[in-house]
Amino acid sequence: MKPTSTEPQAMLLRPRVYIGESIDIGPGKIDLLRQVAAGRSISAAARAMGMSYKRAWLLIDTLNQGFGNPVVETSAGGRGGGGAALTPLGEALVAHFTALEKKLNRAAQAELAALRELVSGISGK
């Protein structure tokens, strides 16, 4: 997909982390956890990200299984309605991944600027 303007687009590194054989954490899962925290609902998080509830639940379940402890806790519906919230493990996961993203992007500024210049050189022709 081509940018709609000739201005270089913002550049950002989004890491994918593999821990052992059973855990892989990337931007999609972290964004899903951020949406769960914001909306306190797996179904609302899924809608916000344009995915099915089943897909969202499967992504969360892979994290729960990989870590051996839940990253999201759910409460059943009823008079007050159900909901979901990050567990302390889920909160720590999002916090550490966010810190990693920030550090990587700060450290990569020169390379990102060089890539941006390459894009500028192409679009300026």
N, C-alpha and C. Protein backbone atom coordinates (compact mmCIF):
# COMPACT_ATOMS: atom_id res chain seq x y z
N MET A 1 0.83 -1.17 0.00
CA MET A 1 0.00 0.00 0.00
C MET A 1 0.88 1.23 0.00
N LYS A 2 0.66 2.14 -0.92
CA LYS A 2 1.47 3.33 -1.03
C LYS A 2 0.96 4.43 -0.10
N PRO A 3 1.89 5.22 0.48
CA PRO A 3 1.45 6.37 1.27
C PRO A 3 0.70 7.35 0.38
N THR A 4 -0.24 8.07 0.96
CA THR A 4 -1.03 9.01 0.17
C THR A 4 -0.33 10.34 -0.03
N SER A 5 0.71 10.62 0.72
CA SER A 5 1.44 11.87 0.52
C SER A 5 2.90 11.55 0.22
N THR A 6 3.63 12.58 -0.17
CA THR A 6 5.05 12.37 -0.46
C THR A 6 5.90 12.52 0.80
N GLU A 7 5.27 12.89 1.92
CA GLU A 7 5.99 12.99 3.18
C GLU A 7 6.33 11.60 3.70
N PRO A 8 7.55 11.40 4.19
CA PRO A 8 7.89 10.10 4.77
C PRO A 8 6.98 9.81 5.96
N GLN A 9 6.56 8.58 6.07
CA GLN A 9 5.70 8.16 7.17
C GLN A 9 6.56 7.91 8.41
N ALA A 10 5.93 8.01 9.58
CA ALA A 10 6.62 7.73 10.83
C ALA A 10 7.13 6.29 10.79
N MET A 11 8.27 6.07 11.37
CA MET A 11 8.85 4.73 11.40
C MET A 11 8.96 4.28 12.84
N LEU A 12 8.67 3.02 13.05
CA LEU A 12 8.63 2.46 14.39
C LEU A 12 9.02 1.00 14.34
N LEU A 13 9.84 0.58 15.28
CA LEU A 13 10.16 -0.83 15.42
C LEU A 13 9.14 -1.47 16.34
N ARG A 14 8.62 -2.62 15.95
CA ARG A 14 7.69 -3.41 16.77
C ARG A 14 8.28 -4.80 16.89
N PRO A 15 8.90 -5.13 18.01
CA PRO A 15 9.62 -6.40 18.14
C PRO A 15 8.69 -7.61 18.29
N ARG A 16 9.25 -8.75 18.01
CA ARG A 16 8.62 -10.05 18.31
C ARG A 16 9.64 -10.79 19.17
N VAL A 17 9.19 -11.29 20.30
CA VAL A 17 10.07 -11.92 21.28
C VAL A 17 9.67 -13.39 21.43
N TYR A 18 10.66 -14.26 21.36
CA TYR A 18 10.44 -15.69 21.56
C TYR A 18 11.13 -16.08 22.85
N ILE A 19 10.37 -16.71 23.74
CA ILE A 19 10.92 -17.17 25.01
C ILE A 19 10.73 -18.68 25.04
N GLY A 20 11.82 -19.38 24.91
CA GLY A 20 11.74 -20.84 24.87
C GLY A 20 10.95 -21.32 23.68
N GLU A 21 10.37 -22.48 23.82
CA GLU A 21 9.61 -23.11 22.73
C GLU A 21 8.14 -22.70 22.71
N SER A 22 7.63 -22.22 23.84
CA SER A 22 6.18 -22.08 23.95
C SER A 22 5.65 -20.66 24.01
N ILE A 23 6.52 -19.66 24.08
CA ILE A 23 6.01 -18.29 24.21
C ILE A 23 6.55 -17.44 23.08
N ASP A 24 5.63 -16.82 22.34
CA ASP A 24 6.03 -15.78 21.40
C ASP A 24 5.10 -14.59 21.64
N ILE A 25 5.75 -13.45 21.76
CA ILE A 25 5.04 -12.21 22.08
C ILE A 25 5.37 -11.20 21.01
N GLY A 26 4.33 -10.64 20.42
CA GLY A 26 4.54 -9.63 19.39
C GLY A 26 3.54 -8.50 19.54
N PRO A 27 3.60 -7.58 18.62
CA PRO A 27 2.73 -6.40 18.70
C PRO A 27 1.24 -6.73 18.75
N GLY A 28 0.81 -7.74 18.02
CA GLY A 28 -0.61 -8.07 17.99
C GLY A 28 -1.14 -8.50 19.35
N LYS A 29 -0.42 -9.40 20.00
CA LYS A 29 -0.86 -9.87 21.32
C LYS A 29 -0.80 -8.74 22.35
N ILE A 30 0.25 -7.94 22.28
CA ILE A 30 0.38 -6.84 23.23
C ILE A 30 -0.71 -5.80 22.98
N ASP A 31 -0.99 -5.48 21.73
CA ASP A 31 -2.08 -4.54 21.44
C ASP A 31 -3.41 -5.08 21.92
N LEU A 32 -3.62 -6.39 21.78
CA LEU A 32 -4.85 -7.01 22.28
C LEU A 32 -4.93 -6.85 23.80
N LEU A 33 -3.85 -7.11 24.50
CA LEU A 33 -3.86 -6.94 25.96
C LEU A 33 -4.11 -5.48 26.33
N ARG A 34 -3.54 -4.55 25.59
CA ARG A 34 -3.80 -3.13 25.85
C ARG A 34 -5.28 -2.80 25.67
N GLN A 35 -5.89 -3.38 24.64
CA GLN A 35 -7.32 -3.15 24.40
C GLN A 35 -8.17 -3.77 25.50
N VAL A 36 -7.79 -4.95 25.98
CA VAL A 36 -8.52 -5.58 27.09
C VAL A 36 -8.44 -4.67 28.32
N ALA A 37 -7.25 -4.15 28.60
CA ALA A 37 -7.08 -3.27 29.76
C ALA A 37 -7.93 -2.01 29.61
N ALA A 38 -7.97 -1.46 28.41
CA ALA A 38 -8.72 -0.22 28.18
C ALA A 38 -10.23 -0.43 28.26
N GLY A 39 -10.72 -1.51 27.67
CA GLY A 39 -12.15 -1.73 27.59
C GLY A 39 -12.70 -2.71 28.59
N ARG A 40 -11.81 -3.37 29.35
CA ARG A 40 -12.21 -4.36 30.34
C ARG A 40 -13.12 -5.44 29.77
N SER A 41 -12.83 -5.81 28.50
CA SER A 41 -13.65 -6.80 27.82
C SER A 41 -12.86 -7.42 26.68
N ILE A 42 -12.89 -8.74 26.60
CA ILE A 42 -12.23 -9.43 25.49
C ILE A 42 -13.00 -9.18 24.20
N SER A 43 -14.32 -9.22 24.26
CA SER A 43 -15.11 -9.02 23.03
C SER A 43 -14.95 -7.59 22.51
N ALA A 44 -14.91 -6.60 23.40
CA ALA A 44 -14.70 -5.21 22.96
C ALA A 44 -13.30 -5.06 22.37
N ALA A 45 -12.32 -5.71 22.99
CA ALA A 45 -10.94 -5.65 22.47
C ALA A 45 -10.87 -6.27 21.08
N ALA A 46 -11.55 -7.40 20.91
CA ALA A 46 -11.57 -8.07 19.60
C ALA A 46 -12.20 -7.18 18.55
N ARG A 47 -13.33 -6.57 18.88
CA ARG A 47 -13.99 -5.66 17.93
C ARG A 47 -13.09 -4.49 17.57
N ALA A 48 -12.43 -3.91 18.57
CA ALA A 48 -11.55 -2.77 18.32
C ALA A 48 -10.40 -3.13 17.39
N MET A 49 -10.00 -4.39 17.42
CA MET A 49 -8.88 -4.83 16.59
C MET A 49 -9.33 -5.51 15.30
N GLY A 50 -10.64 -5.60 15.08
CA GLY A 50 -11.15 -6.20 13.85
C GLY A 50 -10.95 -7.70 13.78
N MET A 51 -11.06 -8.38 14.91
CA MET A 51 -10.91 -9.83 14.90
C MET A 51 -12.09 -10.46 15.63
N SER A 52 -12.25 -11.73 15.45
CA SER A 52 -13.33 -12.44 16.12
C SER A 52 -12.99 -12.63 17.60
N TYR A 53 -14.03 -12.82 18.40
CA TYR A 53 -13.83 -13.11 19.82
C TYR A 53 -13.01 -14.39 19.96
N LYS A 54 -13.32 -15.38 19.13
CA LYS A 54 -12.60 -16.66 19.21
C LYS A 54 -11.11 -16.47 18.98
N ARG A 55 -10.75 -15.68 17.99
CA ARG A 55 -9.33 -15.42 17.69
C ARG A 55 -8.67 -14.70 18.87
N ALA A 56 -9.36 -13.70 19.41
CA ALA A 56 -8.81 -12.96 20.56
C ALA A 56 -8.60 -13.90 21.74
N TRP A 57 -9.60 -14.74 22.01
CA TRP A 57 -9.48 -15.68 23.13
C TRP A 57 -8.33 -16.66 22.90
N LEU A 58 -8.17 -17.14 21.67
CA LEU A 58 -7.08 -18.07 21.38
C LEU A 58 -5.72 -17.41 21.59
N LEU A 59 -5.56 -16.16 21.19
CA LEU A 59 -4.30 -15.45 21.40
C LEU A 59 -4.01 -15.29 22.90
N ILE A 60 -5.02 -14.92 23.65
CA ILE A 60 -4.85 -14.77 25.10
C ILE A 60 -4.54 -16.13 25.73
N ASP A 61 -5.23 -17.16 25.27
CA ASP A 61 -5.00 -18.49 25.83
C ASP A 61 -3.59 -18.99 25.54
N THR A 62 -3.02 -18.67 24.37
CA THR A 62 -1.64 -19.09 24.11
C THR A 62 -0.68 -18.43 25.10
N LEU A 63 -0.96 -17.18 25.47
CA LEU A 63 -0.12 -16.52 26.48
C LEU A 63 -0.33 -17.18 27.85
N ASN A 64 -1.59 -17.41 28.21
CA ASN A 64 -1.88 -18.07 29.49
C ASN A 64 -1.16 -19.41 29.58
N GLN A 65 -1.24 -20.22 28.51
CA GLN A 65 -0.61 -21.53 28.50
C GLN A 65 0.91 -21.41 28.53
N GLY A 66 1.45 -20.50 27.73
CA GLY A 66 2.90 -20.34 27.66
C GLY A 66 3.52 -19.92 28.97
N PHE A 67 2.86 -18.99 29.67
CA PHE A 67 3.39 -18.52 30.94
C PHE A 67 3.00 -19.42 32.11
N GLY A 68 2.03 -20.30 31.87
CA GLY A 68 1.60 -21.19 32.94
C GLY A 68 0.70 -20.52 33.97
N ASN A 69 0.37 -19.27 33.73
CA ASN A 69 -0.51 -18.49 34.59
C ASN A 69 -1.28 -17.52 33.71
N PRO A 70 -2.48 -17.14 34.13
CA PRO A 70 -3.28 -16.26 33.28
C PRO A 70 -2.71 -14.84 33.18
N VAL A 71 -2.82 -14.27 31.99
CA VAL A 71 -2.47 -12.86 31.78
C VAL A 71 -3.74 -12.00 31.78
N VAL A 72 -4.89 -12.65 31.60
CA VAL A 72 -6.19 -11.99 31.65
C VAL A 72 -7.09 -12.81 32.54
N GLU A 73 -7.83 -12.13 33.41
CA GLU A 73 -8.83 -12.82 34.21
C GLU A 73 -10.21 -12.33 33.77
N THR A 74 -11.14 -13.25 33.74
CA THR A 74 -12.49 -12.92 33.29
C THR A 74 -13.47 -13.16 34.44
N SER A 75 -14.57 -12.43 34.36
CA SER A 75 -15.67 -12.66 35.31
C SER A 75 -16.92 -12.91 34.50
N ALA A 76 -17.72 -13.84 34.97
CA ALA A 76 -18.94 -14.22 34.26
C ALA A 76 -19.95 -13.08 34.29
N GLY A 77 -20.81 -13.09 33.29
CA GLY A 77 -21.87 -12.09 33.22
C GLY A 77 -22.86 -12.28 34.34
N GLY A 78 -23.81 -11.43 34.39
CA GLY A 78 -24.82 -11.48 35.44
C GLY A 78 -25.40 -10.09 35.59
N ARG A 79 -25.86 -9.78 36.78
CA ARG A 79 -26.49 -8.50 37.03
C ARG A 79 -25.60 -7.32 36.64
N GLY A 80 -24.34 -7.35 37.03
CA GLY A 80 -23.42 -6.27 36.70
C GLY A 80 -22.70 -6.48 35.38
N GLY A 81 -22.96 -7.61 34.73
CA GLY A 81 -22.26 -7.90 33.48
C GLY A 81 -20.91 -8.52 33.75
N GLY A 82 -20.39 -9.18 32.76
CA GLY A 82 -19.08 -9.81 32.88
C GLY A 82 -17.99 -8.82 32.53
N GLY A 83 -16.80 -9.31 32.44
CA GLY A 83 -15.71 -8.43 32.08
C GLY A 83 -14.40 -9.16 32.08
N ALA A 84 -13.36 -8.43 31.81
CA ALA A 84 -12.02 -8.99 31.78
C ALA A 84 -11.05 -7.92 32.24
N ALA A 85 -9.98 -8.36 32.82
CA ALA A 85 -8.93 -7.45 33.28
C ALA A 85 -7.59 -8.15 33.18
N LEU A 86 -6.55 -7.38 33.02
CA LEU A 86 -5.22 -7.97 33.04
C LEU A 86 -4.88 -8.37 34.47
N THR A 87 -4.22 -9.50 34.58
CA THR A 87 -3.69 -9.92 35.87
C THR A 87 -2.40 -9.14 36.11
N PRO A 88 -1.83 -9.21 37.31
CA PRO A 88 -0.52 -8.58 37.51
C PRO A 88 0.52 -9.07 36.50
N LEU A 89 0.47 -10.36 36.13
CA LEU A 89 1.37 -10.89 35.10
C LEU A 89 1.11 -10.20 33.76
N GLY A 90 -0.15 -10.05 33.38
CA GLY A 90 -0.49 -9.38 32.13
C GLY A 90 -0.04 -7.93 32.12
N GLU A 91 -0.24 -7.25 33.24
CA GLU A 91 0.21 -5.85 33.35
C GLU A 91 1.72 -5.75 33.22
N ALA A 92 2.44 -6.67 33.88
CA ALA A 92 3.90 -6.66 33.80
C ALA A 92 4.37 -6.97 32.38
N LEU A 93 3.70 -7.89 31.71
CA LEU A 93 4.04 -8.24 30.34
C LEU A 93 3.92 -7.03 29.42
N VAL A 94 2.81 -6.32 29.52
CA VAL A 94 2.60 -5.12 28.70
C VAL A 94 3.63 -4.05 29.05
N ALA A 95 3.89 -3.84 30.32
CA ALA A 95 4.84 -2.81 30.75
C ALA A 95 6.25 -3.11 30.24
N HIS A 96 6.69 -4.35 30.36
CA HIS A 96 8.05 -4.70 29.92
C HIS A 96 8.16 -4.65 28.39
N PHE A 97 7.13 -5.09 27.68
CA PHE A 97 7.16 -5.03 26.23
C PHE A 97 7.19 -3.57 25.76
N THR A 98 6.40 -2.71 26.41
CA THR A 98 6.38 -1.29 26.08
C THR A 98 7.75 -0.67 26.31
N ALA A 99 8.38 -1.01 27.43
CA ALA A 99 9.73 -0.50 27.72
C ALA A 99 10.72 -0.98 26.67
N LEU A 100 10.61 -2.24 26.26
CA LEU A 100 11.49 -2.78 25.22
C LEU A 100 11.30 -2.02 23.91
N GLU A 101 10.04 -1.79 23.51
CA GLU A 101 9.78 -1.03 22.28
C GLU A 101 10.43 0.35 22.34
N LYS A 102 10.27 1.03 23.46
CA LYS A 102 10.83 2.38 23.60
C LYS A 102 12.35 2.36 23.50
N LYS A 103 12.98 1.41 24.18
CA LYS A 103 14.45 1.32 24.14
C LYS A 103 14.95 0.99 22.73
N LEU A 104 14.29 0.06 22.07
CA LEU A 104 14.70 -0.30 20.71
C LEU A 104 14.57 0.89 19.77
N ASN A 105 13.48 1.61 19.88
CA ASN A 105 13.27 2.75 18.99
C ASN A 105 14.24 3.89 19.26
N ARG A 106 14.57 4.13 20.53
CA ARG A 106 15.58 5.15 20.85
C ARG A 106 16.94 4.73 20.28
N ALA A 107 17.30 3.47 20.47
CA ALA A 107 18.60 2.99 20.03
C ALA A 107 18.72 2.95 18.51
N ALA A 108 17.61 2.83 17.82
CA ALA A 108 17.63 2.68 16.36
C ALA A 108 17.37 3.99 15.61
N GLN A 109 17.41 5.12 16.27
CA GLN A 109 17.06 6.39 15.63
C GLN A 109 17.90 6.68 14.38
N ALA A 110 19.20 6.43 14.44
CA ALA A 110 20.05 6.72 13.28
C ALA A 110 19.66 5.85 12.09
N GLU A 111 19.44 4.57 12.34
CA GLU A 111 19.07 3.66 11.26
C GLU A 111 17.68 3.98 10.72
N LEU A 112 16.76 4.33 11.60
CA LEU A 112 15.42 4.70 11.15
C LEU A 112 15.46 5.98 10.31
N ALA A 113 16.29 6.93 10.71
CA ALA A 113 16.44 8.17 9.93
C ALA A 113 17.02 7.86 8.55
N ALA A 114 17.99 6.95 8.49
CA ALA A 114 18.58 6.57 7.21
C ALA A 114 17.53 5.90 6.31
N LEU A 115 16.71 5.04 6.88
CA LEU A 115 15.64 4.41 6.10
C LEU A 115 14.62 5.45 5.61
N ARG A 116 14.30 6.40 6.49
CA ARG A 116 13.39 7.47 6.11
C ARG A 116 13.95 8.27 4.94
N GLU A 117 15.25 8.51 4.96
CA GLU A 117 15.90 9.22 3.85
C GLU A 117 15.81 8.43 2.56
N LEU A 118 15.96 7.11 2.63
CA LEU A 118 15.81 6.29 1.44
C LEU A 118 14.42 6.43 0.86
N VAL A 119 13.41 6.45 1.72
CA VAL A 119 12.03 6.63 1.26
C VAL A 119 11.87 8.01 0.63
N SER A 120 12.45 9.03 1.26
CA SER A 120 12.38 10.39 0.73
C SER A 120 13.03 10.46 -0.64
N GLY A 121 14.14 9.76 -0.79
CA GLY A 121 14.85 9.76 -2.08
C GLY A 121 14.02 9.12 -3.17
N ILE A 122 13.29 8.07 -2.84
CA ILE A 122 12.43 7.39 -3.82
C ILE A 122 11.23 8.25 -4.16
N SER A 123 10.56 8.82 -3.15
CA SER A 123 9.35 9.58 -3.41
C SER A 123 9.65 10.95 -4.01
N GLY A 124 10.90 11.42 -3.85
CA GLY A 124 11.26 12.73 -4.38
C GLY A 124 11.61 12.70 -5.86
N LYS A 125 11.68 11.52 -6.48
CA LYS A 125 12.06 11.41 -7.88
C LYS A 125 10.89 11.65 -8.79
